[in-house]
Amino acid sequence: MKKVLYVDDEEVNLFIFKVSFKDVYDVVTAQSGAKALELLVSNPEIKIVITDLRMPIMDGLEFVKVAKTKFGDKVFFLLTGFGITEEIKQLIDNNMLNNYFSKPFNKTEIISEVEKH
C-alpha cells in the first residue's frame, strides 16, 4: 500500500481525506508545512505528497518549493479550492508540482493520478 502524506491546516479536512482513502493508501497527515517536512525526513517511504494551498505561515506553494529541493524523489500535488494561478502553472511547468486537484476533491481523480507514480 502506497504511503501518502496529506498536508492541510484544517483538522476536519485531514480527517475527511484520511477516512476517504484509508482503504486505498496508508495516509499520513500534517497540519503544517513544517510538520510535513519533519514527516518526510522520518518517513522516507512516503512517495506521494498532496498539500492544501491556503495555510498560515507556509502556504502550499512555499511548502512544495522547500520540500521539492530536499526531497526531489517525491511526487507533489496541490489541492485547492481556488483556480489555477500563474505561480501554480509555473511550478507544474518546472516539474515541482505534478498536478493540482480542486476542492471538494474527486476521489477517483486523485487515485487515477496517484496510481501513475
PDB file of N, CA and C in Angstrom:
ATOM      1  N   MET A   1       0.847  -1.184   0.000  1.00  0.00           N
ATOM      2  CA  MET A   1       0.000   0.000   0.000  1.00  0.00           C
ATOM      3  C   MET A   1       0.889   1.242   0.000  1.00  0.00           C
ATOM      4  N   LYS A   2       0.634   2.154  -0.933  1.00  0.00           N
ATOM      5  CA  LYS A   2       1.420   3.385  -1.017  1.00  0.00           C
ATOM      6  C   LYS A   2       1.162   4.269   0.195  1.00  0.00           C
ATOM      7  N   LYS A   3       2.239   4.913   0.642  1.00  0.00           N
ATOM      8  CA  LYS A   3       2.123   5.854   1.761  1.00  0.00           C
ATOM      9  C   LYS A   3       2.013   7.260   1.185  1.00  0.00           C
ATOM     10  N   VAL A   4       0.926   7.942   1.536  1.00  0.00           N
ATOM     11  CA  VAL A   4       0.640   9.281   1.022  1.00  0.00           C
ATOM     12  C   VAL A   4       0.612  10.263   2.185  1.00  0.00           C
ATOM     13  N   LEU A   5       1.271  11.399   2.006  1.00  0.00           N
ATOM     14  CA  LEU A   5       1.242  12.469   3.004  1.00  0.00           C
ATOM     15  C   LEU A   5       0.260  13.531   2.529  1.00  0.00           C
ATOM     16  N   TYR A   6      -0.711  13.857   3.397  1.00  0.00           N
ATOM     17  CA  TYR A   6      -1.660  14.922   3.094  1.00  0.00           C
ATOM     18  C   TYR A   6      -1.444  16.054   4.085  1.00  0.00           C
ATOM     19  N   VAL A   7      -1.260  17.273   3.562  1.00  0.00           N
ATOM     20  CA  VAL A   7      -0.959  18.444   4.387  1.00  0.00           C
ATOM     21  C   VAL A   7      -2.108  19.447   4.274  1.00  0.00           C
ATOM     22  N   ASP A   8      -2.679  19.813   5.424  1.00  0.00           N
ATOM     23  CA  ASP A   8      -3.772  20.791   5.455  1.00  0.00           C
ATOM     24  C   ASP A   8      -3.844  21.341   6.866  1.00  0.00           C
ATOM     25  N   ASP A   9      -4.070  22.648   6.995  1.00  0.00           N
ATOM     26  CA  ASP A   9      -4.115  23.247   8.331  1.00  0.00           C
ATOM     27  C   ASP A   9      -5.448  22.988   9.034  1.00  0.00           C
ATOM     28  N   GLU A  10      -6.459  22.533   8.308  1.00  0.00           N
ATOM     29  CA  GLU A  10      -7.764  22.298   8.918  1.00  0.00           C
ATOM     30  C   GLU A  10      -7.938  20.825   9.278  1.00  0.00           C
ATOM     31  N   GLU A  11      -8.109  20.588  10.568  1.00  0.00           N
ATOM     32  CA  GLU A  11      -8.206  19.230  11.085  1.00  0.00           C
ATOM     33  C   GLU A  11      -9.324  18.423  10.425  1.00  0.00           C
ATOM     34  N   VAL A  12     -10.465  19.062  10.163  1.00  0.00           N
ATOM     35  CA  VAL A  12     -11.583  18.353   9.550  1.00  0.00           C
ATOM     36  C   VAL A  12     -11.211  17.850   8.147  1.00  0.00           C
ATOM     37  N   ASN A  13     -10.442  18.642   7.400  1.00  0.00           N
ATOM     38  CA  ASN A  13     -10.006  18.210   6.073  1.00  0.00           C
ATOM     39  C   ASN A  13      -9.044  17.028   6.156  1.00  0.00           C
ATOM     40  N   LEU A  14      -8.162  17.048   7.147  1.00  0.00           N
ATOM     41  CA  LEU A  14      -7.240  15.918   7.348  1.00  0.00           C
ATOM     42  C   LEU A  14      -8.036  14.648   7.633  1.00  0.00           C
ATOM     43  N   PHE A  15      -9.043  14.774   8.490  1.00  0.00           N
ATOM     44  CA  PHE A  15      -9.870  13.634   8.862  1.00  0.00           C
ATOM     45  C   PHE A  15     -10.630  13.087   7.642  1.00  0.00           C
ATOM     46  N   ILE A  16     -11.263  13.977   6.890  1.00  0.00           N
ATOM     47  CA  ILE A  16     -12.038  13.558   5.714  1.00  0.00           C
ATOM     48  C   ILE A  16     -11.137  12.859   4.697  1.00  0.00           C
ATOM     49  N   PHE A  17      -9.958  13.415   4.452  1.00  0.00           N
ATOM     50  CA  PHE A  17      -9.035  12.820   3.492  1.00  0.00           C
ATOM     51  C   PHE A  17      -8.594  11.430   3.954  1.00  0.00           C
ATOM     52  N   LYS A  18      -8.214  11.349   5.221  1.00  0.00           N
ATOM     53  CA  LYS A  18      -7.723  10.079   5.764  1.00  0.00           C
ATOM     54  C   LYS A  18      -8.809   8.993   5.688  1.00  0.00           C
ATOM     55  N   VAL A  19     -10.018   9.325   6.078  1.00  0.00           N
ATOM     56  CA  VAL A  19     -11.132   8.370   6.039  1.00  0.00           C
ATOM     57  C   VAL A  19     -11.466   7.983   4.592  1.00  0.00           C
ATOM     58  N   SER A  20     -11.437   8.956   3.693  1.00  0.00           N
ATOM     59  CA  SER A  20     -11.790   8.710   2.292  1.00  0.00           C
ATOM     60  C   SER A  20     -10.826   7.749   1.600  1.00  0.00           C
ATOM     61  N   PHE A  21      -9.556   7.785   1.987  1.00  0.00           N
ATOM     62  CA  PHE A  21      -8.540   6.989   1.295  1.00  0.00           C
ATOM     63  C   PHE A  21      -7.965   5.834   2.123  1.00  0.00           C
ATOM     64  N   LYS A  22      -8.548   5.569   3.302  1.00  0.00           N
ATOM     65  CA  LYS A  22      -7.958   4.565   4.199  1.00  0.00           C
ATOM     66  C   LYS A  22      -7.881   3.169   3.588  1.00  0.00           C
ATOM     67  N   ASP A  23      -8.784   2.843   2.682  1.00  0.00           N
ATOM     68  CA  ASP A  23      -8.768   1.513   2.057  1.00  0.00           C
ATOM     69  C   ASP A  23      -7.836   1.445   0.853  1.00  0.00           C
ATOM     70  N   VAL A  24      -7.335   2.591   0.423  1.00  0.00           N
ATOM     71  CA  VAL A  24      -6.518   2.648  -0.787  1.00  0.00           C
ATOM     72  C   VAL A  24      -5.045   2.942  -0.476  1.00  0.00           C
ATOM     73  N   TYR A  25      -4.822   3.866   0.475  1.00  0.00           N
ATOM     74  CA  TYR A  25      -3.469   4.299   0.815  1.00  0.00           C
ATOM     75  C   TYR A  25      -3.249   4.311   2.317  1.00  0.00           C
ATOM     76  N   ASP A  26      -1.980   4.237   2.690  1.00  0.00           N
ATOM     77  CA  ASP A  26      -1.571   4.462   4.062  1.00  0.00           C
ATOM     78  C   ASP A  26      -1.382   5.978   4.166  1.00  0.00           C
ATOM     79  N   VAL A  27      -2.361   6.674   4.715  1.00  0.00           N
ATOM     80  CA  VAL A  27      -2.352   8.135   4.741  1.00  0.00           C
ATOM     81  C   VAL A  27      -1.748   8.654   6.039  1.00  0.00           C
ATOM     82  N   VAL A  28      -0.756   9.516   5.885  1.00  0.00           N
ATOM     83  CA  VAL A  28      -0.127  10.213   6.999  1.00  0.00           C
ATOM     84  C   VAL A  28      -0.515  11.676   6.823  1.00  0.00           C
ATOM     85  N   THR A  29      -0.833  12.367   7.921  1.00  0.00           N
ATOM     86  CA  THR A  29      -1.270  13.753   7.787  1.00  0.00           C
ATOM     87  C   THR A  29      -0.386  14.702   8.590  1.00  0.00           C
ATOM     88  N   ALA A  30      -0.361  15.947   8.122  1.00  0.00           N
ATOM     89  CA  ALA A  30       0.370  17.013   8.810  1.00  0.00           C
ATOM     90  C   ALA A  30      -0.475  18.278   8.739  1.00  0.00           C
ATOM     91  N   GLN A  31      -0.467  19.035   9.837  1.00  0.00           N
ATOM     92  CA  GLN A  31      -1.279  20.244   9.915  1.00  0.00           C
ATOM     93  C   GLN A  31      -0.514  21.509   9.521  1.00  0.00           C
ATOM     94  N   SER A  32       0.748  21.338   9.077  1.00  0.00           N
ATOM     95  CA  SER A  32       1.541  22.488   8.635  1.00  0.00           C
ATOM     96  C   SER A  32       2.663  22.005   7.720  1.00  0.00           C
ATOM     97  N   GLY A  33       3.189  22.947   6.946  1.00  0.00           N
ATOM     98  CA  GLY A  33       4.320  22.622   6.085  1.00  0.00           C
ATOM     99  C   GLY A  33       5.532  22.178   6.879  1.00  0.00           C
ATOM    100  N   ALA A  34       5.771  22.835   8.018  1.00  0.00           N
ATOM    101  CA  ALA A  34       6.919  22.479   8.865  1.00  0.00           C
ATOM    102  C   ALA A  34       6.795  21.038   9.372  1.00  0.00           C
ATOM    103  N   LYS A  35       5.610  20.667   9.837  1.00  0.00           N
ATOM    104  CA  LYS A  35       5.387  19.301  10.324  1.00  0.00           C
ATOM    105  C   LYS A  35       5.533  18.305   9.170  1.00  0.00           C
ATOM    106  N   ALA A  36       5.053  18.682   7.994  1.00  0.00           N
ATOM    107  CA  ALA A  36       5.168  17.807   6.821  1.00  0.00           C
ATOM    108  C   ALA A  36       6.633  17.553   6.469  1.00  0.00           C
ATOM    109  N   LEU A  37       7.462  18.582   6.566  1.00  0.00           N
ATOM    110  CA  LEU A  37       8.893  18.405   6.285  1.00  0.00           C
ATOM    111  C   LEU A  37       9.521  17.426   7.267  1.00  0.00           C
ATOM    112  N   GLU A  38       9.127  17.514   8.543  1.00  0.00           N
ATOM    113  CA  GLU A  38       9.622  16.565   9.556  1.00  0.00           C
ATOM    114  C   GLU A  38       9.195  15.138   9.200  1.00  0.00           C
ATOM    115  N   LEU A  39       7.944  14.980   8.789  1.00  0.00           N
ATOM    116  CA  LEU A  39       7.434  13.651   8.433  1.00  0.00           C
ATOM    117  C   LEU A  39       8.151  13.074   7.216  1.00  0.00           C
ATOM    118  N   LEU A  40       8.510  13.918   6.270  1.00  0.00           N
ATOM    119  CA  LEU A  40       9.240  13.438   5.093  1.00  0.00           C
ATOM    120  C   LEU A  40      10.627  12.930   5.479  1.00  0.00           C
ATOM    121  N   VAL A  41      11.240  13.549   6.472  1.00  0.00           N
ATOM    122  CA  VAL A  41      12.552  13.100   6.953  1.00  0.00           C
ATOM    123  C   VAL A  41      12.413  11.745   7.654  1.00  0.00           C
ATOM    124  N   SER A  42      11.405  11.632   8.512  1.00  0.00           N
ATOM    125  CA  SER A  42      11.255  10.409   9.317  1.00  0.00           C
ATOM    126  C   SER A  42      10.509   9.283   8.603  1.00  0.00           C
ATOM    127  N   ASN A  43       9.930   9.540   7.437  1.00  0.00           N
ATOM    128  CA  ASN A  43       9.197   8.520   6.673  1.00  0.00           C
ATOM    129  C   ASN A  43       9.650   8.515   5.215  1.00  0.00           C
ATOM    130  N   PRO A  44      10.866   8.022   4.956  1.00  0.00           N
ATOM    131  CA  PRO A  44      11.377   8.058   3.577  1.00  0.00           C
ATOM    132  C   PRO A  44      10.530   7.259   2.590  1.00  0.00           C
ATOM    133  N   GLU A  45       9.676   6.368   3.103  1.00  0.00           N
ATOM    134  CA  GLU A  45       8.834   5.564   2.210  1.00  0.00           C
ATOM    135  C   GLU A  45       7.667   6.354   1.614  1.00  0.00           C
ATOM    136  N   ILE A  46       7.424   7.566   2.111  1.00  0.00           N
ATOM    137  CA  ILE A  46       6.386   8.420   1.516  1.00  0.00           C
ATOM    138  C   ILE A  46       6.882   8.849   0.136  1.00  0.00           C
ATOM    139  N   LYS A  47       6.093   8.567  -0.878  1.00  0.00           N
ATOM    140  CA  LYS A  47       6.465   8.939  -2.248  1.00  0.00           C
ATOM    141  C   LYS A  47       5.530   9.992  -2.829  1.00  0.00           C
ATOM    142  N   ILE A  48       4.314  10.087  -2.272  1.00  0.00           N
ATOM    143  CA  ILE A  48       3.290  10.996  -2.790  1.00  0.00           C
ATOM    144  C   ILE A  48       2.937  12.014  -1.707  1.00  0.00           C
ATOM    145  N   VAL A  49       2.919  13.294  -2.079  1.00  0.00           N
ATOM    146  CA  VAL A  49       2.559  14.357  -1.148  1.00  0.00           C
ATOM    147  C   VAL A  49       1.455  15.198  -1.794  1.00  0.00           C
ATOM    148  N   ILE A  50       0.363  15.366  -1.062  1.00  0.00           N
ATOM    149  CA  ILE A  50      -0.743  16.212  -1.515  1.00  0.00           C
ATOM    150  C   ILE A  50      -0.902  17.307  -0.470  1.00  0.00           C
ATOM    151  N   THR A  51      -0.860  18.556  -0.909  1.00  0.00           N
ATOM    152  CA  THR A  51      -0.934  19.664   0.038  1.00  0.00           C
ATOM    153  C   THR A  51      -2.024  20.658  -0.322  1.00  0.00           C
ATOM    154  N   ASP A  52      -2.626  21.213   0.712  1.00  0.00           N
ATOM    155  CA  ASP A  52      -3.578  22.293   0.552  1.00  0.00           C
ATOM    156  C   ASP A  52      -2.802  23.530   0.120  1.00  0.00           C
ATOM    157  N   LEU A  53      -3.480  24.467  -0.524  1.00  0.00           N
ATOM    158  CA  LEU A  53      -2.826  25.703  -0.942  1.00  0.00           C
ATOM    159  C   LEU A  53      -2.791  26.727   0.185  1.00  0.00           C
ATOM    160  N   ARG A  54      -3.940  27.062   0.725  1.00  0.00           N
ATOM    161  CA  ARG A  54      -4.044  28.144   1.704  1.00  0.00           C
ATOM    162  C   ARG A  54      -3.803  27.620   3.115  1.00  0.00           C
ATOM    163  N   MET A  55      -2.634  27.924   3.644  1.00  0.00           N
ATOM    164  CA  MET A  55      -2.290  27.564   5.020  1.00  0.00           C
ATOM    165  C   MET A  55      -1.517  28.722   5.625  1.00  0.00           C
ATOM    166  N   PRO A  56      -1.642  28.939   6.940  1.00  0.00           N
ATOM    167  CA  PRO A  56      -0.876  30.022   7.575  1.00  0.00           C
ATOM    168  C   PRO A  56       0.615  29.700   7.653  1.00  0.00           C
ATOM    169  N   ILE A  57       1.410  30.696   7.820  1.00  0.00           N
ATOM    170  CA  ILE A  57       2.866  30.650   7.952  1.00  0.00           C
ATOM    171  C   ILE A  57       3.535  30.207   6.645  1.00  0.00           C
ATOM    172  N   MET A  58       3.338  28.953   6.239  1.00  0.00           N
ATOM    173  CA  MET A  58       3.920  28.441   4.995  1.00  0.00           C
ATOM    174  C   MET A  58       2.775  27.887   4.153  1.00  0.00           C
ATOM    175  N   ASP A  59       2.454  28.580   3.048  1.00  0.00           N
ATOM    176  CA  ASP A  59       1.356  28.062   2.228  1.00  0.00           C
ATOM    177  C   ASP A  59       1.822  26.857   1.406  1.00  0.00           C
ATOM    178  N   GLY A  60       0.904  26.246   0.708  1.00  0.00           N
ATOM    179  CA  GLY A  60       1.217  25.018  -0.027  1.00  0.00           C
ATOM    180  C   GLY A  60       2.299  25.186  -1.073  1.00  0.00           C
ATOM    181  N   LEU A  61       2.306  26.324  -1.758  1.00  0.00           N
ATOM    182  CA  LEU A  61       3.325  26.547  -2.791  1.00  0.00           C
ATOM    183  C   LEU A  61       4.713  26.717  -2.177  1.00  0.00           C
ATOM    184  N   GLU A  62       4.797  27.458  -1.069  1.00  0.00           N
ATOM    185  CA  GLU A  62       6.081  27.604  -0.366  1.00  0.00           C
ATOM    186  C   GLU A  62       6.564  26.237   0.119  1.00  0.00           C
ATOM    187  N   PHE A  63       5.642  25.462   0.685  1.00  0.00           N
ATOM    188  CA  PHE A  63       5.994  24.126   1.170  1.00  0.00           C
ATOM    189  C   PHE A  63       6.554  23.269   0.034  1.00  0.00           C
ATOM    190  N   VAL A  64       5.890  23.270  -1.110  1.00  0.00           N
ATOM    191  CA  VAL A  64       6.350  22.460  -2.248  1.00  0.00           C
ATOM    192  C   VAL A  64       7.745  22.897  -2.691  1.00  0.00           C
ATOM    193  N   LYS A  65       7.977  24.199  -2.764  1.00  0.00           N
ATOM    194  CA  LYS A  65       9.298  24.703  -3.192  1.00  0.00           C
ATOM    195  C   LYS A  65      10.396  24.214  -2.254  1.00  0.00           C
ATOM    196  N   VAL A  66      10.156  24.282  -0.954  1.00  0.00           N
ATOM    197  CA  VAL A  66      11.155  23.839   0.029  1.00  0.00           C
ATOM    198  C   VAL A  66      11.304  22.319  -0.027  1.00  0.00           C
ATOM    199  N   ALA A  67      10.177  21.619  -0.011  1.00  0.00           N
ATOM    200  CA  ALA A  67      10.205  20.151   0.048  1.00  0.00           C
ATOM    201  C   ALA A  67      10.808  19.534  -1.208  1.00  0.00           C
ATOM    202  N   LYS A  68      10.504  20.090  -2.358  1.00  0.00           N
ATOM    203  CA  LYS A  68      10.996  19.513  -3.617  1.00  0.00           C
ATOM    204  C   LYS A  68      12.515  19.626  -3.711  1.00  0.00           C
ATOM    205  N   THR A  69      13.083  20.688  -3.137  1.00  0.00           N
ATOM    206  CA  THR A  69      14.551  20.817  -3.159  1.00  0.00           C
ATOM    207  C   THR A  69      15.206  19.780  -2.259  1.00  0.00           C
ATOM    208  N   LYS A  70      14.561  19.460  -1.148  1.00  0.00           N
ATOM    209  CA  LYS A  70      15.121  18.491  -0.202  1.00  0.00           C
ATOM    210  C   LYS A  70      14.732  17.050  -0.545  1.00  0.00           C
ATOM    211  N   PHE A  71      13.582  16.876  -1.163  1.00  0.00           N
ATOM    212  CA  PHE A  71      13.037  15.535  -1.439  1.00  0.00           C
ATOM    213  C   PHE A  71      12.618  15.455  -2.904  1.00  0.00           C
ATOM    214  N   GLY A  72      13.595  15.545  -3.786  1.00  0.00           N
ATOM    215  CA  GLY A  72      13.338  15.567  -5.224  1.00  0.00           C
ATOM    216  C   GLY A  72      12.695  14.314  -5.776  1.00  0.00           C
ATOM    217  N   ASP A  73      12.780  13.211  -5.023  1.00  0.00           N
ATOM    218  CA  ASP A  73      12.206  11.946  -5.496  1.00  0.00           C
ATOM    219  C   ASP A  73      10.708  11.830  -5.221  1.00  0.00           C
ATOM    220  N   LYS A  74      10.158  12.769  -4.463  1.00  0.00           N
ATOM    221  CA  LYS A  74       8.729  12.723  -4.113  1.00  0.00           C
ATOM    222  C   LYS A  74       7.895  13.369  -5.223  1.00  0.00           C
ATOM    223  N   VAL A  75       6.642  12.929  -5.318  1.00  0.00           N
ATOM    224  CA  VAL A  75       5.704  13.492  -6.283  1.00  0.00           C
ATOM    225  C   VAL A  75       4.739  14.381  -5.508  1.00  0.00           C
ATOM    226  N   PHE A  76       4.595  15.629  -5.944  1.00  0.00           N
ATOM    227  CA  PHE A  76       3.781  16.610  -5.231  1.00  0.00           C
ATOM    228  C   PHE A  76       2.544  17.006  -6.023  1.00  0.00           C
ATOM    229  N   PHE A  77       1.426  17.056  -5.300  1.00  0.00           N
ATOM    230  CA  PHE A  77       0.159  17.516  -5.861  1.00  0.00           C
ATOM    231  C   PHE A  77      -0.378  18.621  -4.959  1.00  0.00           C
ATOM    232  N   LEU A  78      -1.147  19.518  -5.548  1.00  0.00           N
ATOM    233  CA  LEU A  78      -1.776  20.597  -4.803  1.00  0.00           C
ATOM    234  C   LEU A  78      -3.281  20.364  -4.806  1.00  0.00           C
ATOM    235  N   LEU A  79      -3.911  20.604  -3.665  1.00  0.00           N
ATOM    236  CA  LEU A  79      -5.363  20.509  -3.551  1.00  0.00           C
ATOM    237  C   LEU A  79      -5.848  21.900  -3.177  1.00  0.00           C
ATOM    238  N   THR A  80      -6.683  22.500  -4.014  1.00  0.00           N
ATOM    239  CA  THR A  80      -7.087  23.877  -3.771  1.00  0.00           C
ATOM    240  C   THR A  80      -8.550  24.125  -4.100  1.00  0.00           C
ATOM    241  N   GLY A  81      -9.131  25.010  -3.339  1.00  0.00           N
ATOM    242  CA  GLY A  81     -10.496  25.443  -3.599  1.00  0.00           C
ATOM    243  C   GLY A  81     -10.522  26.638  -4.539  1.00  0.00           C
ATOM    244  N   PHE A  82      -9.347  27.046  -4.986  1.00  0.00           N
ATOM    245  CA  PHE A  82      -9.210  28.205  -5.856  1.00  0.00           C
ATOM    246  C   PHE A  82      -8.737  27.743  -7.225  1.00  0.00           C
ATOM    247  N   GLY A  83      -8.882  28.586  -8.223  1.00  0.00           N
ATOM    248  CA  GLY A  83      -8.454  28.224  -9.573  1.00  0.00           C
ATOM    249  C   GLY A  83      -6.944  28.186  -9.702  1.00  0.00           C
ATOM    250  N   ILE A  84      -6.481  27.741 -10.868  1.00  0.00           N
ATOM    251  CA  ILE A  84      -5.044  27.681 -11.131  1.00  0.00           C
ATOM    252  C   ILE A  84      -4.511  29.108 -11.318  1.00  0.00           C
ATOM    253  N   THR A  85      -3.407  29.388 -10.677  1.00  0.00           N
ATOM    254  CA  THR A  85      -2.775  30.709 -10.789  1.00  0.00           C
ATOM    255  C   THR A  85      -1.528  30.569 -11.667  1.00  0.00           C
ATOM    256  N   GLU A  86      -0.946  31.686 -12.010  1.00  0.00           N
ATOM    257  CA  GLU A  86       0.283  31.663 -12.806  1.00  0.00           C
ATOM    258  C   GLU A  86       1.394  30.950 -12.044  1.00  0.00           C
ATOM    259  N   GLU A  87       1.456  31.165 -10.724  1.00  0.00           N
ATOM    260  CA  GLU A  87       2.501  30.513  -9.918  1.00  0.00           C
ATOM    261  C   GLU A  87       2.321  28.992  -9.893  1.00  0.00           C
ATOM    262  N   ILE A  88       1.077  28.527  -9.775  1.00  0.00           N
ATOM    263  CA  ILE A  88       0.810  27.081  -9.807  1.00  0.00           C
ATOM    264  C   ILE A  88       1.227  26.522 -11.166  1.00  0.00           C
ATOM    265  N   LYS A  89       0.854  27.222 -12.224  1.00  0.00           N
ATOM    266  CA  LYS A  89       1.204  26.786 -13.585  1.00  0.00           C
ATOM    267  C   LYS A  89       2.722  26.702 -13.746  1.00  0.00           C
ATOM    268  N   GLN A  90       3.452  27.687 -13.221  1.00  0.00           N
ATOM    269  CA  GLN A  90       4.919  27.681 -13.315  1.00  0.00           C
ATOM    270  C   GLN A  90       5.516  26.487 -12.576  1.00  0.00           C
ATOM    271  N   LEU A  91       4.978  26.182 -11.400  1.00  0.00           N
ATOM    272  CA  LEU A  91       5.503  25.040 -10.643  1.00  0.00           C
ATOM    273  C   LEU A  91       5.238  23.731 -11.380  1.00  0.00           C
ATOM    274  N   ILE A  92       4.097  23.635 -12.036  1.00  0.00           N
ATOM    275  CA  ILE A  92       3.806  22.433 -12.837  1.00  0.00           C
ATOM    276  C   ILE A  92       4.758  22.376 -14.029  1.00  0.00           C
ATOM    277  N   ASP A  93       4.918  23.506 -14.722  1.00  0.00           N
ATOM    278  CA  ASP A  93       5.824  23.564 -15.883  1.00  0.00           C
ATOM    279  C   ASP A  93       7.264  23.243 -15.506  1.00  0.00           C
ATOM    280  N   ASN A  94       7.669  23.606 -14.291  1.00  0.00           N
ATOM    281  CA  ASN A  94       9.042  23.354 -13.822  1.00  0.00           C
ATOM    282  C   ASN A  94       9.191  22.022 -13.111  1.00  0.00           C
ATOM    283  N   ASN A  95       8.165  21.166 -13.199  1.00  0.00           N
ATOM    284  CA  ASN A  95       8.175  19.824 -12.592  1.00  0.00           C
ATOM    285  C   ASN A  95       8.346  19.825 -11.086  1.00  0.00           C
ATOM    286  N   MET A  96       7.950  20.913 -10.428  1.00  0.00           N
ATOM    287  CA  MET A  96       7.978  20.934  -8.965  1.00  0.00           C
ATOM    288  C   MET A  96       6.660  20.365  -8.454  1.00  0.00           C
ATOM    289  N   LEU A  97       5.589  20.683  -9.162  1.00  0.00           N
ATOM    290  CA  LEU A  97       4.263  20.155  -8.854  1.00  0.00           C
ATOM    291  C   LEU A  97       3.873  19.238  -9.996  1.00  0.00           C
ATOM    292  N   ASN A  98       3.345  18.079  -9.664  1.00  0.00           N
ATOM    293  CA  ASN A  98       2.944  17.161 -10.714  1.00  0.00           C
ATOM    294  C   ASN A  98       1.602  17.569 -11.321  1.00  0.00           C
ATOM    295  N   ASN A  99       0.682  17.980 -10.451  1.00  0.00           N
ATOM    296  CA  ASN A  99      -0.644  18.377 -10.911  1.00  0.00           C
ATOM    297  C   ASN A  99      -1.372  19.031  -9.745  1.00  0.00           C
ATOM    298  N   TYR A 100      -2.599  19.456  -9.992  1.00  0.00           N
ATOM    299  CA  TYR A 100      -3.395  20.004  -8.902  1.00  0.00           C
ATOM    300  C   TYR A 100      -4.808  19.454  -8.980  1.00  0.00           C
ATOM    301  N   PHE A 101      -5.470  19.407  -7.842  1.00  0.00           N
ATOM    302  CA  PHE A 101      -6.845  18.938  -7.732  1.00  0.00           C
ATOM    303  C   PHE A 101      -7.683  20.056  -7.134  1.00  0.00           C
ATOM    304  N   SER A 102      -8.951  20.101  -7.523  1.00  0.00           N
ATOM    305  CA  SER A 102      -9.876  21.099  -6.982  1.00  0.00           C
ATOM    306  C   SER A 102     -10.614  20.551  -5.777  1.00  0.00           C
ATOM    307  N   LYS A 103     -10.922  21.454  -4.848  1.00  0.00           N
ATOM    308  CA  LYS A 103     -11.773  21.110  -3.707  1.00  0.00           C
ATOM    309  C   LYS A 103     -13.198  21.438  -4.088  1.00  0.00           C
ATOM    310  N   PRO A 104     -14.191  20.686  -3.671  1.00  0.00           N
ATOM    311  CA  PRO A 104     -14.041  19.424  -2.940  1.00  0.00           C
ATOM    312  C   PRO A 104     -13.404  18.381  -3.858  1.00  0.00           C
ATOM    313  N   PHE A 105     -12.533  17.539  -3.291  1.00  0.00           N
ATOM    314  CA  PHE A 105     -11.768  16.624  -4.114  1.00  0.00           C
ATOM    315  C   PHE A 105     -12.638  15.506  -4.696  1.00  0.00           C
ATOM    316  N   ASN A 106     -12.165  15.015  -5.829  1.00  0.00           N
ATOM    317  CA  ASN A 106     -12.785  13.894  -6.511  1.00  0.00           C
ATOM    318  C   ASN A 106     -11.878  12.691  -6.243  1.00  0.00           C
ATOM    319  N   LYS A 107     -12.349  11.755  -5.449  1.00  0.00           N
ATOM    320  CA  LYS A 107     -11.543  10.603  -5.025  1.00  0.00           C
ATOM    321  C   LYS A 107     -11.008   9.825  -6.236  1.00  0.00           C
ATOM    322  N   THR A 108     -11.854   9.581  -7.224  1.00  0.00           N
ATOM    323  CA  THR A 108     -11.447   8.827  -8.412  1.00  0.00           C
ATOM    324  C   THR A 108     -10.320   9.543  -9.160  1.00  0.00           C
ATOM    325  N   GLU A 109     -10.430  10.860  -9.285  1.00  0.00           N
ATOM    326  CA  GLU A 109      -9.407  11.646  -9.974  1.00  0.00           C
ATOM    327  C   GLU A 109      -8.068  11.552  -9.238  1.00  0.00           C
ATOM    328  N   ILE A 110      -8.096  11.663  -7.920  1.00  0.00           N
ATOM    329  CA  ILE A 110      -6.857  11.588  -7.136  1.00  0.00           C
ATOM    330  C   ILE A 110      -6.229  10.208  -7.264  1.00  0.00           C
ATOM    331  N   ILE A 111      -7.022   9.160  -7.127  1.00  0.00           N
ATOM    332  CA  ILE A 111      -6.483   7.797  -7.247  1.00  0.00           C
ATOM    333  C   ILE A 111      -5.881   7.596  -8.634  1.00  0.00           C
ATOM    334  N   SER A 112      -6.576   8.052  -9.658  1.00  0.00           N
ATOM    335  CA  SER A 112      -6.086   7.907 -11.035  1.00  0.00           C
ATOM    336  C   SER A 112      -4.726   8.572 -11.213  1.00  0.00           C
ATOM    337  N   GLU A 113      -4.542   9.779 -10.682  1.00  0.00           N
ATOM    338  CA  GLU A 113      -3.266  10.496 -10.794  1.00  0.00           C
ATOM    339  C   GLU A 113      -2.184   9.844  -9.949  1.00  0.00           C
ATOM    340  N   VAL A 114      -2.500   9.501  -8.714  1.00  0.00           N
ATOM    341  CA  VAL A 114      -1.507   8.908  -7.814  1.00  0.00           C
ATOM    342  C   VAL A 114      -1.012   7.566  -8.357  1.00  0.00           C
ATOM    343  N   GLU A 115      -1.903   6.795  -8.953  1.00  0.00           N
ATOM    344  CA  GLU A 115      -1.519   5.477  -9.458  1.00  0.00           C
ATOM    345  C   GLU A 115      -0.558   5.535 -10.647  1.00  0.00           C
ATOM    346  N   LYS A 116      -0.392   6.697 -11.230  1.00  0.00           N
ATOM    347  CA  LYS A 116       0.577   6.847 -12.329  1.00  0.00           C
ATOM    348  C   LYS A 116       2.012   6.894 -11.807  1.00  0.00           C
ATOM    349  N   HIS A 117       2.160   6.974 -10.474  1.00  0.00           N
ATOM    350  CA  HIS A 117       3.505   7.174  -9.886  1.00  0.00           C
ATOM    351  C   HIS A 117       3.871   6.090  -8.907  1.00  0.00           C
TER     352      HIS A 117
END
